[in-house]
C-alpha atoms as a PDB file:
ATOM      1  CA  MET A   1      45.850 -27.662 -71.400  1.00  0.00           C
ATOM      2  CA  GLN A   2      45.958 -26.345 -67.867  1.00  0.00           C
ATOM      3  CA  SER A   3      46.435 -22.668 -68.710  1.00  0.00           C
ATOM      4  CA  HIS A   4      44.196 -22.681 -71.814  1.00  0.00           C
ATOM      5  CA  PRO A   5      41.384 -25.177 -71.151  1.00  0.00           C
ATOM      6  CA  GLN A   6      38.821 -23.436 -73.359  1.00  0.00           C
ATOM      7  CA  GLU A   7      41.185 -23.265 -76.328  1.00  0.00           C
ATOM      8  CA  THR A   8      42.101 -26.914 -75.776  1.00  0.00           C
ATOM      9  CA  LYS A   9      38.442 -27.929 -75.859  1.00  0.00           C
ATOM     10  CA  GLU A  10      37.857 -25.872 -78.994  1.00  0.00           C
ATOM     11  CA  LEU A  11      40.682 -27.716 -80.748  1.00  0.00           C
ATOM     12  CA  MET A  12      39.363 -31.046 -79.485  1.00  0.00           C
ATOM     13  CA  THR A  13      36.003 -30.375 -81.149  1.00  0.00           C
ATOM     14  CA  ASN A  14      37.505 -29.163 -84.431  1.00  0.00           C
ATOM     15  CA  SER A  15      37.789 -32.016 -86.933  1.00  0.00           C
ATOM     16  CA  LEU A  16      40.742 -30.317 -88.641  1.00  0.00           C
ATOM     17  CA  PHE A  17      42.850 -30.868 -85.518  1.00  0.00           C
ATOM     18  CA  GLU A  18      44.116 -33.866 -83.647  1.00  0.00           C
ATOM     19  CA  LEU A  19      45.713 -33.323 -80.274  1.00  0.00           C
ATOM     20  CA  GLY A  20      48.654 -35.472 -79.301  1.00  0.00           C
ATOM     21  CA  ASN A  21      50.499 -35.860 -76.038  1.00  0.00           C
ATOM     22  CA  HIS A  22      53.663 -33.770 -75.718  1.00  0.00           C
ATOM     23  CA  THR A  23      54.121 -34.483 -71.974  1.00  0.00           C
ATOM     24  CA  TRP A  24      52.862 -32.399 -69.094  1.00  0.00           C
ATOM     25  CA  SER A  25      55.790 -30.040 -68.652  1.00  0.00           C
ATOM     26  CA  HIS A  26      57.925 -30.723 -71.729  1.00  0.00           C
ATOM     27  CA  GLY A  27      59.952 -33.292 -69.860  1.00  0.00           C
ATOM     28  CA  ASN A  28      62.911 -34.912 -71.559  1.00  0.00           C
ATOM     29  CA  LEU A  29      61.881 -38.576 -71.559  1.00  0.00           C
ATOM     30  CA  ALA A  30      65.430 -39.710 -72.294  1.00  0.00           C
ATOM     31  CA  VAL A  31      66.635 -38.595 -68.856  1.00  0.00           C
ATOM     32  CA  LEU A  32      63.502 -38.901 -66.709  1.00  0.00           C
ATOM     33  CA  HIS A  33      62.862 -42.305 -65.184  1.00  0.00           C
ATOM     34  CA  GLY A  34      60.180 -44.354 -63.479  1.00  0.00           C
ATOM     35  CA  GLU A  35      57.198 -42.551 -61.983  1.00  0.00           C
ATOM     36  CA  GLU A  36      58.457 -39.112 -63.007  1.00  0.00           C
ATOM     37  CA  MET A  37      58.716 -40.150 -66.663  1.00  0.00           C
ATOM     38  CA  GLN A  38      55.367 -41.939 -66.577  1.00  0.00           C
ATOM     39  CA  GLN A  39      53.537 -38.998 -65.012  1.00  0.00           C
ATOM     40  CA  GLN A  40      54.715 -36.693 -67.799  1.00  0.00           C
ATOM     41  CA  VAL A  41      52.603 -38.814 -70.147  1.00  0.00           C
ATOM     42  CA  LEU A  42      49.819 -40.000 -67.857  1.00  0.00           C
ATOM     43  CA  LYS A  43      48.874 -36.603 -66.427  1.00  0.00           C
ATOM     44  CA  THR A  44      48.447 -35.241 -69.931  1.00  0.00           C
ATOM     45  CA  GLN A  45      46.349 -38.260 -70.908  1.00  0.00           C
ATOM     46  CA  ARG A  46      44.219 -37.895 -67.776  1.00  0.00           C
ATOM     47  CA  ILE A  47      43.444 -34.189 -68.339  1.00  0.00           C
ATOM     48  CA  TYR A  48      42.624 -34.833 -71.998  1.00  0.00           C
ATOM     49  CA  ASP A  49      40.270 -37.653 -70.982  1.00  0.00           C
ATOM     50  CA  GLU A  50      38.574 -35.398 -68.414  1.00  0.00           C
ATOM     51  CA  PHE A  51      38.028 -32.738 -71.091  1.00  0.00           C
ATOM     52  CA  ARG A  52      36.817 -35.425 -73.498  1.00  0.00           C
ATOM     53  CA  ASP A  53      34.276 -36.696 -70.941  1.00  0.00           C
ATOM     54  CA  GLU A  54      33.125 -33.141 -70.254  1.00  0.00           C
ATOM     55  CA  LEU A  55      32.636 -32.456 -73.957  1.00  0.00           C
ATOM     56  CA  ALA A  56      30.835 -35.759 -74.481  1.00  0.00           C
ATOM     57  CA  ALA A  57      28.428 -34.786 -71.688  1.00  0.00           C
ATOM     58  CA  GLN A  58      27.757 -31.616 -73.706  1.00  0.00           C
ATOM     59  CA  ASN A  59      26.921 -33.778 -76.751  1.00  0.00           C
ATOM     60  CA  TYR A  60      30.124 -33.159 -78.672  1.00  0.00           C
ATOM     61  CA  HIS A  61      30.746 -36.356 -80.629  1.00  0.00           C
ATOM     62  CA  PRO A  62      32.918 -37.995 -81.651  1.00  0.00           C
ATOM     63  CA  ILE A  63      36.054 -36.794 -79.905  1.00  0.00           C
ATOM     64  CA  PRO A  64      38.814 -39.305 -80.459  1.00  0.00           C
ATOM     65  CA  GLU A  65      41.062 -40.694 -77.789  1.00  0.00           C
ATOM     66  CA  MET A  66      44.531 -39.176 -77.663  1.00  0.00           C
ATOM     67  CA  ARG A  67      46.749 -41.965 -79.032  1.00  0.00           C
ATOM     68  CA  THR A  68      49.902 -40.189 -80.207  1.00  0.00           C
ATOM     69  CA  VAL A  69      52.929 -38.771 -78.395  1.00  0.00           C
ATOM     70  CA  ARG A  70      55.602 -36.439 -79.702  1.00  0.00           C
ATOM     71  CA  PHE A  71      58.691 -36.556 -77.518  1.00  0.00           C
ATOM     72  CA  PRO A  72      59.917 -33.161 -76.331  1.00  0.00           C
ATOM     73  CA  TYR A  73      63.260 -32.410 -77.964  1.00  0.00           C
ATOM     74  CA  GLY A  74      62.759 -35.620 -79.952  1.00  0.00           C
ATOM     75  CA  ARG A  75      64.377 -37.430 -77.013  1.00  0.00           C
ATOM     76  CA  CYS A  76      63.470 -40.864 -75.750  1.00  0.00           C
ATOM     77  CA  ASN A  77      65.074 -44.053 -74.536  1.00  0.00           C
ATOM     78  CA  SER A  78      64.119 -47.717 -74.567  1.00  0.00           C
ATOM     79  CA  LYS A  79      62.197 -47.382 -71.281  1.00  0.00           C
ATOM     80  CA  SER A  80      60.086 -44.460 -72.460  1.00  0.00           C
ATOM     81  CA  LEU A  81      59.369 -46.216 -75.765  1.00  0.00           C
ATOM     82  CA  GLU A  82      58.391 -49.388 -73.916  1.00  0.00           C
ATOM     83  CA  PHE A  83      56.146 -47.400 -71.575  1.00  0.00           C
ATOM     84  CA  LEU A  84      54.326 -45.884 -74.562  1.00  0.00           C
ATOM     85  CA  ARG A  85      53.882 -49.342 -76.061  1.00  0.00           C
ATOM     86  CA  GLN A  86      52.388 -50.560 -72.765  1.00  0.00           C
ATOM     87  CA  GLN A  87      49.977 -47.612 -72.820  1.00  0.00           C
ATOM     88  CA  GLN A  88      49.123 -48.354 -76.470  1.00  0.00           C
ATOM     89  CA  LEU A  89      50.362 -44.915 -77.495  1.00  0.00           C
ATOM     90  CA  LEU A  90      52.187 -44.224 -80.741  1.00  0.00           C
ATOM     91  CA  ALA A  91      55.453 -42.286 -80.686  1.00  0.00           C
ATOM     92  CA  ILE A  92      55.440 -39.870 -83.608  1.00  0.00           C
ATOM     93  CA  GLN A  93      58.520 -38.248 -85.069  1.00  0.00           C
ATOM     94  CA  TRP A  94      58.817 -35.784 -87.961  1.00  0.00           C
ATOM     95  CA  ASP A  95      60.979 -35.319 -90.995  1.00  0.00           C
ATOM     96  CA  VAL A  96      60.982 -31.549 -91.530  1.00  0.00           C
ATOM     97  CA  VAL A  97      62.310 -29.278 -88.765  1.00  0.00           C
ATOM     98  CA  THR A  98      61.497 -25.575 -89.220  1.00  0.00           C
ATOM     99  CA  ALA A  99      63.923 -24.450 -86.467  1.00  0.00           C
ATOM    100  CA  ASP A 100      61.286 -21.947 -85.385  1.00  0.00           C
ATOM    101  CA  PRO A 101      62.166 -22.006 -81.650  1.00  0.00           C
ATOM    102  CA  SER A 102      65.290 -20.012 -82.569  1.00  0.00           C
ATOM    103  CA  PRO A 103      64.719 -16.259 -82.202  1.00  0.00           C
ATOM    104  CA  LYS A 104      66.925 -15.908 -85.292  1.00  0.00           C
ATOM    105  CA  GLN A 105      64.540 -17.916 -87.481  1.00  0.00           C
ATOM    106  CA  THR A 106      62.518 -15.982 -90.045  1.00  0.00           C
ATOM    107  CA  ALA A 107      59.459 -16.717 -92.120  1.00  0.00           C
ATOM    108  CA  LYS A 108      61.680 -16.808 -95.218  1.00  0.00           C
ATOM    109  CA  GLY A 109      64.016 -19.290 -93.525  1.00  0.00           C
ATOM    110  CA  ILE A 110      61.110 -21.580 -92.632  1.00  0.00           C
ATOM    111  CA  ILE A 111      59.700 -21.332 -96.151  1.00  0.00           C
ATOM    112  CA  ASN A 112      63.064 -22.319 -97.649  1.00  0.00           C
ATOM    113  CA  ILE A 113      63.439 -25.312 -95.297  1.00  0.00           C
ATOM    114  CA  VAL A 114      59.959 -26.642 -95.994  1.00  0.00           C
ATOM    115  CA  LYS A 115      60.133 -26.157 -99.750  1.00  0.00           C
ATOM    116  CA  LYS A 116      63.468 -28.006 -99.907  1.00  0.00           C
ATOM    117  CA  GLN A 117      62.588 -30.878 -97.574  1.00  0.00           C
ATOM    118  CA  VAL A 118      58.859 -31.627 -97.819  1.00  0.00           C
ATOM    119  CA  LYS A 119      57.812 -34.820 -99.568  1.00  0.00           C
ATOM    120  CA  PRO A 120      54.684 -36.975 -99.598  1.00  0.00           C
ATOM    121  CA  GLY A 121      53.974 -38.163 -96.057  1.00  0.00           C
ATOM    122  CA  SER A 122      56.045 -35.457 -94.383  1.00  0.00           C
ATOM    123  CA  ILE A 123      55.394 -34.311 -90.854  1.00  0.00           C
ATOM    124  CA  ILE A 124      56.577 -30.740 -90.395  1.00  0.00           C
ATOM    125  CA  ILE A 125      57.430 -29.639 -86.870  1.00  0.00           C
ATOM    126  CA  ALA A 126      56.543 -26.038 -86.071  1.00  0.00           C
ATOM    127  CA  HIS A 127      55.333 -24.223 -82.977  1.00  0.00           C
ATOM    128  CA  ALA A 128      52.224 -22.123 -82.349  1.00  0.00           C
ATOM    129  CA  ASN A 129      52.856 -21.418 -78.682  1.00  0.00           C
ATOM    130  CA  GLY A 130      54.928 -18.262 -78.789  1.00  0.00           C
ATOM    131  CA  ARG A 131      58.097 -20.221 -79.554  1.00  0.00           C
ATOM    132  CA  GLY A 132      57.403 -20.273 -83.259  1.00  0.00           C
ATOM    133  CA  HIS A 133      59.566 -17.427 -84.539  1.00  0.00           C
ATOM    134  CA  GLY A 134      58.515 -16.675 -88.114  1.00  0.00           C
ATOM    135  CA  THR A 135      55.964 -19.500 -88.201  1.00  0.00           C
ATOM    136  CA  ALA A 136      52.772 -17.471 -88.677  1.00  0.00           C
ATOM    137  CA  GLY A 137      54.293 -15.502 -91.549  1.00  0.00           C
ATOM    138  CA  ALA A 138      55.685 -18.621 -93.145  1.00  0.00           C
ATOM    139  CA  LEU A 139      52.340 -20.418 -93.020  1.00  0.00           C
ATOM    140  CA  GLU A 140      50.655 -17.599 -94.952  1.00  0.00           C
ATOM    141  CA  GLU A 141      52.837 -18.504 -97.934  1.00  0.00           C
ATOM    142  CA  LEU A 142      53.435 -22.199 -97.303  1.00  0.00           C
ATOM    143  CA  ILE A 143      49.837 -23.388 -96.997  1.00  0.00           C
ATOM    144  CA  PRO A 144      48.783 -22.115-100.451  1.00  0.00           C
ATOM    145  CA  TRP A 145      52.110 -23.242-101.955  1.00  0.00           C
ATOM    146  CA  LEU A 146      51.768 -26.758-100.519  1.00  0.00           C
ATOM    147  CA  LYS A 147      48.205 -27.007-101.814  1.00  0.00           C
ATOM    148  CA  ARG A 148      49.337 -25.905-105.281  1.00  0.00           C
ATOM    149  CA  GLN A 149      51.961 -28.664-105.159  1.00  0.00           C
ATOM    150  CA  GLY A 150      49.162 -31.183-104.544  1.00  0.00           C
ATOM    151  CA  TYR A 151      49.690 -31.714-100.824  1.00  0.00           C
ATOM    152  CA  GLU A 152      46.744 -32.271 -98.515  1.00  0.00           C
ATOM    153  CA  PHE A 153      46.645 -31.466 -94.820  1.00  0.00           C
ATOM    154  CA  VAL A 154      45.631 -34.419 -92.683  1.00  0.00           C
ATOM    155  CA  THR A 155      45.852 -35.422 -89.067  1.00  0.00           C
ATOM    156  CA  VAL A 156      48.610 -37.760 -87.953  1.00  0.00           C
ATOM    157  CA  SER A 157      46.079 -40.564 -87.509  1.00  0.00           C
ATOM    158  CA  GLU A 158      44.810 -40.037 -91.053  1.00  0.00           C
ATOM    159  CA  LEU A 159      48.388 -40.020 -92.328  1.00  0.00           C
ATOM    160  CA  LEU A 160      49.110 -43.304 -90.555  1.00  0.00           C
ATOM    161  CA  GLN A 161      45.954 -44.889 -91.989  1.00  0.00           C
ATOM    162  CA  GLU A 162      46.913 -43.898 -95.520  1.00  0.00           C
ATOM    163  CA  ALA A 163      50.640 -44.622 -95.228  1.00  0.00           C
ATOM    164  CA  GLN A 164      52.027 -47.375 -97.388  1.00  0.00           C
ATOM    165  CA  GLU A 165      55.021 -47.633 -95.066  1.00  0.00           C
ATOM    166  CA  VAL A 166      55.439 -46.647 -91.420  1.00  0.00           C
ATOM    167  CA  LYS A 167      58.928 -46.797 -89.975  1.00  0.00           C
ATOM    168  CA  ALA A 168      59.370 -48.092 -86.450  1.00  0.00           C
ATOM    169  CA  VAL A 169      62.695 -47.218 -84.869  1.00  0.00           C
ATOM    170  CA  ASP A 170      64.200 -47.859 -81.459  1.00  0.00           C
ATOM    171  CA  THR A 171      65.595 -44.372 -80.917  1.00  0.00           C
ATOM    172  CA  CYS A 172      64.397 -40.794 -81.218  1.00  0.00           C
ATOM    173  CA  TYR A 173      66.131 -37.895 -82.921  1.00  0.00           C
ATOM    174  CA  GLU A 174      65.473 -34.679 -84.801  1.00  0.00           C
ATOM    175  CA  LEU A 175      66.688 -35.679 -88.260  1.00  0.00           C
ATOM    176  CA  VAL A 176      69.408 -38.294 -87.692  1.00  0.00           C
ATOM    177  CA  PRO A 177      70.249 -40.504 -84.696  1.00  0.00           C
ATOM    178  CA  GLY A 178      72.212 -38.661 -82.026  1.00  0.00           C
ATOM    179  CA  ASP A 179      71.601 -35.132 -83.280  1.00  0.00           C
ATOM    180  CA  ASN A 180      69.549 -34.124 -80.243  1.00  0.00           C
ATOM    181  CA  VAL A 181      71.569 -35.572 -77.364  1.00  0.00           C
ATOM    182  CA  LYS A 182      72.608 -31.978 -76.597  1.00  0.00           C
ATOM    183  CA  TYR A 183      69.195 -31.459 -74.969  1.00  0.00           C
ATOM    184  CA  ASP A 184      70.003 -33.956 -72.228  1.00  0.00           C
ATOM    185  CA  ARG A 185      72.346 -31.506 -70.532  1.00  0.00           C
ATOM    186  CA  LEU A 186      69.378 -29.160 -69.993  1.00  0.00           C
ATOM    187  CA  PHE A 187      68.119 -31.702 -67.472  1.00  0.00           C
ATOM    188  CA  LYS A 188      69.699 -33.084 -64.370  1.00  0.00           C
ATOM    189  CA  GLN A 189      70.551 -36.758 -64.859  1.00  0.00           C
ATOM    190  CA  LYS A 190      68.665 -38.955 -62.380  1.00  0.00           C
END
């Protein structure tokens, strides 16, 4: 948002996109505490709201509030979950991991993962920020394939509105509880 404000605003005004909070500097909310943890979320919310106000003044309507958060590394703890609840923000996980941050990942590898794991209601995690190795190539094949399978692309908010069941859990993980604790050692315990 800070380094690409114009692109951020373009996405905010595009009805095909919904921006969610992913923290200010990709902070691991399982090891950050207190003010430091809170500011990871609140600074992002504040900048989004400033952009939203600016766009509203330019007669862009409606631009929704940012109500969702995806935890970096899929890591959280009870305090970060409680903080999100207090802020009336929804913690969103995923169920298909493309593994595209790995420089070894390929478009074919991503395609195979998605085709094997996708199901109605899936949220697929992939990256478009330079960390998505193979993602662009994979999407060229996956988007038409998913459409042929009858899948529709919706925002997370639309998915939640249509969901017959939403799971609320008290821990965060990539695919199963505990599988992402390895990311904690990337951060100094406080």
